[in-house]
């Protein structure tokens, strides 16, 4: 596995872990998960994908 793939997978894994933690906290709220919470989770997921792509691009060009 190359350095680019490792760094992108680590970034994506940490982002997905953060999404899971946020989802678990939202699930435990008294009113449950609201539509705005689903939008926030979607945005976190998109940011995770973008960050993994940015890290892969940066590592590929710097290595």
N, C-alpha and C. Protein backbone atom coordinates (compact mmCIF):
# COMPACT_ATOMS: atom_id res chain seq x y z
N UNK A 1 0.85 -1.17 0.00
CA UNK A 1 0.00 0.00 0.00
C UNK A 1 0.91 1.24 0.00
N UNK A 2 0.58 2.17 -0.83
CA UNK A 2 1.43 3.34 -0.96
C UNK A 2 1.15 4.35 0.15
N UNK A 3 2.06 5.30 0.27
CA UNK A 3 1.92 6.34 1.28
C UNK A 3 0.68 7.18 1.04
N UNK A 4 0.36 7.41 -0.24
CA UNK A 4 -0.82 8.22 -0.57
C UNK A 4 -2.09 7.52 -0.09
N UNK A 5 -2.19 6.23 -0.36
CA UNK A 5 -3.38 5.49 0.05
C UNK A 5 -3.49 5.41 1.57
N UNK A 6 -2.35 5.18 2.24
CA UNK A 6 -2.37 5.09 3.69
C UNK A 6 -2.84 6.39 4.32
N UNK A 7 -2.30 7.50 3.85
CA UNK A 7 -2.67 8.78 4.45
C UNK A 7 -4.13 9.12 4.16
N UNK A 8 -4.61 8.83 2.96
CA UNK A 8 -6.01 9.10 2.64
C UNK A 8 -6.94 8.20 3.46
N UNK A 9 -6.58 6.94 3.63
CA UNK A 9 -7.42 6.03 4.42
C UNK A 9 -7.43 6.40 5.90
N UNK A 10 -6.30 6.85 6.42
CA UNK A 10 -6.26 7.29 7.82
C UNK A 10 -7.15 8.51 8.00
N UNK A 11 -7.06 9.46 7.08
CA UNK A 11 -7.89 10.66 7.16
C UNK A 11 -9.37 10.30 7.05
N UNK A 12 -9.71 9.43 6.11
CA UNK A 12 -11.11 9.02 5.95
C UNK A 12 -11.60 8.25 7.17
N UNK A 13 -10.76 7.41 7.74
CA UNK A 13 -11.14 6.65 8.93
C UNK A 13 -11.41 7.54 10.12
N UNK A 14 -10.54 8.54 10.32
CA UNK A 14 -10.77 9.47 11.43
C UNK A 14 -12.02 10.30 11.21
N UNK A 15 -12.27 10.71 9.97
CA UNK A 15 -13.48 11.46 9.67
C UNK A 15 -14.73 10.64 9.90
N UNK A 16 -14.71 9.39 9.47
CA UNK A 16 -15.88 8.53 9.67
C UNK A 16 -16.09 8.22 11.14
N UNK A 17 -15.00 8.10 11.89
CA UNK A 17 -15.14 7.91 13.33
C UNK A 17 -15.81 9.12 13.96
N UNK A 18 -15.43 10.31 13.51
CA UNK A 18 -16.06 11.54 14.01
C UNK A 18 -17.54 11.57 13.64
N UNK A 19 -17.88 11.14 12.43
CA UNK A 19 -19.29 11.10 12.01
C UNK A 19 -20.08 10.14 12.90
N UNK A 20 -19.51 8.99 13.20
CA UNK A 20 -20.19 8.02 14.06
C UNK A 20 -20.39 8.55 15.48
N UNK A 21 -19.40 9.25 16.00
CA UNK A 21 -19.54 9.83 17.34
C UNK A 21 -20.63 10.89 17.35
N UNK A 22 -20.66 11.74 16.32
CA UNK A 22 -21.71 12.76 16.23
C UNK A 22 -23.08 12.13 16.09
N UNK A 23 -23.20 11.09 15.28
CA UNK A 23 -24.48 10.41 15.10
C UNK A 23 -24.96 9.81 16.41
N UNK A 24 -24.03 9.22 17.16
CA UNK A 24 -24.40 8.62 18.43
C UNK A 24 -24.88 9.67 19.43
N UNK A 25 -24.21 10.83 19.44
CA UNK A 25 -24.65 11.90 20.34
C UNK A 25 -26.01 12.45 19.92
N UNK A 26 -26.23 12.60 18.61
CA UNK A 26 -27.52 13.10 18.12
C UNK A 26 -28.65 12.11 18.42
N UNK A 27 -28.34 10.83 18.34
CA UNK A 27 -29.34 9.78 18.57
C UNK A 27 -29.82 9.80 20.02
N UNK A 28 -28.94 10.18 20.94
CA UNK A 28 -29.28 10.14 22.36
C UNK A 28 -30.04 11.38 22.83
N UNK A 29 -30.21 12.38 21.95
CA UNK A 29 -30.96 13.57 22.35
C UNK A 29 -32.42 13.21 22.61
N UNK A 30 -33.08 14.05 23.38
CA UNK A 30 -34.47 13.77 23.76
C UNK A 30 -35.38 13.74 22.54
N UNK A 31 -35.18 14.68 21.59
CA UNK A 31 -36.05 14.73 20.41
C UNK A 31 -35.60 13.82 19.28
N UNK A 32 -34.48 13.13 19.46
CA UNK A 32 -33.99 12.22 18.42
C UNK A 32 -33.24 12.98 17.34
N UNK A 33 -33.10 12.36 16.19
CA UNK A 33 -32.36 12.96 15.09
C UNK A 33 -33.35 13.75 14.22
N UNK A 34 -33.12 15.04 14.12
CA UNK A 34 -33.99 15.92 13.35
C UNK A 34 -33.45 16.04 11.92
N UNK A 35 -34.26 16.57 11.00
CA UNK A 35 -33.77 16.75 9.62
C UNK A 35 -32.52 17.63 9.53
N UNK A 36 -32.41 18.62 10.39
CA UNK A 36 -31.19 19.44 10.35
C UNK A 36 -29.98 18.64 10.83
N UNK A 37 -30.19 17.69 11.74
CA UNK A 37 -29.10 16.82 12.16
C UNK A 37 -28.62 15.94 11.01
N UNK A 38 -29.57 15.45 10.20
CA UNK A 38 -29.19 14.64 9.04
C UNK A 38 -28.38 15.46 8.05
N UNK A 39 -28.74 16.73 7.88
CA UNK A 39 -27.96 17.62 6.99
C UNK A 39 -26.56 17.84 7.54
N UNK A 40 -26.46 18.00 8.85
CA UNK A 40 -25.14 18.17 9.47
C UNK A 40 -24.28 16.92 9.28
N UNK A 41 -24.88 15.75 9.44
CA UNK A 41 -24.13 14.51 9.23
C UNK A 41 -23.70 14.36 7.77
N UNK A 42 -24.58 14.74 6.85
CA UNK A 42 -24.22 14.70 5.43
C UNK A 42 -23.06 15.62 5.13
N UNK A 43 -23.10 16.81 5.71
CA UNK A 43 -22.02 17.77 5.49
C UNK A 43 -20.70 17.27 6.09
N UNK A 44 -20.77 16.65 7.27
CA UNK A 44 -19.56 16.08 7.85
C UNK A 44 -18.99 14.97 6.97
N UNK A 45 -19.86 14.17 6.40
CA UNK A 45 -19.41 13.11 5.51
C UNK A 45 -18.76 13.68 4.26
N UNK A 46 -19.35 14.73 3.69
CA UNK A 46 -18.75 15.36 2.52
C UNK A 46 -17.42 16.02 2.85
N UNK A 47 -17.32 16.63 4.02
CA UNK A 47 -16.05 17.20 4.45
C UNK A 47 -14.99 16.12 4.64
N UNK A 48 -15.39 14.96 5.13
CA UNK A 48 -14.46 13.86 5.30
C UNK A 48 -13.91 13.39 3.96
N UNK A 49 -14.80 13.24 2.98
CA UNK A 49 -14.37 12.81 1.65
C UNK A 49 -13.45 13.87 1.03
N UNK A 50 -13.81 15.13 1.18
CA UNK A 50 -12.99 16.20 0.65
C UNK A 50 -11.62 16.27 1.31
N UNK A 51 -11.59 16.10 2.62
CA UNK A 51 -10.32 16.13 3.34
C UNK A 51 -9.43 14.97 2.94
N UNK A 52 -10.02 13.79 2.77
CA UNK A 52 -9.23 12.63 2.34
C UNK A 52 -8.67 12.85 0.94
N UNK A 53 -9.46 13.44 0.06
CA UNK A 53 -8.98 13.75 -1.28
C UNK A 53 -7.88 14.79 -1.26
N UNK A 54 -8.04 15.80 -0.43
CA UNK A 54 -7.03 16.85 -0.32
C UNK A 54 -5.72 16.30 0.24
N UNK A 55 -5.80 15.44 1.24
CA UNK A 55 -4.61 14.83 1.82
C UNK A 55 -3.93 13.95 0.78
N UNK A 56 -4.71 13.17 0.04
CA UNK A 56 -4.11 12.31 -0.99
C UNK A 56 -3.42 13.15 -2.06
N UNK A 57 -4.04 14.24 -2.47
CA UNK A 57 -3.46 15.12 -3.47
C UNK A 57 -2.17 15.75 -2.95
N UNK A 58 -2.19 16.22 -1.71
CA UNK A 58 -1.02 16.86 -1.13
C UNK A 58 0.14 15.88 -0.98
N UNK A 59 -0.14 14.69 -0.48
CA UNK A 59 0.91 13.71 -0.28
C UNK A 59 1.47 13.24 -1.63
N UNK A 60 0.63 13.09 -2.61
CA UNK A 60 1.10 12.64 -3.93
C UNK A 60 2.01 13.68 -4.57
N UNK A 61 1.73 14.96 -4.34
CA UNK A 61 2.54 16.01 -4.96
C UNK A 61 3.77 16.35 -4.14
N UNK A 62 3.78 16.02 -2.85
CA UNK A 62 4.93 16.32 -2.02
C UNK A 62 5.91 15.16 -1.92
N UNK A 63 5.42 13.96 -2.15
CA UNK A 63 6.28 12.78 -2.01
C UNK A 63 7.13 12.54 -3.24
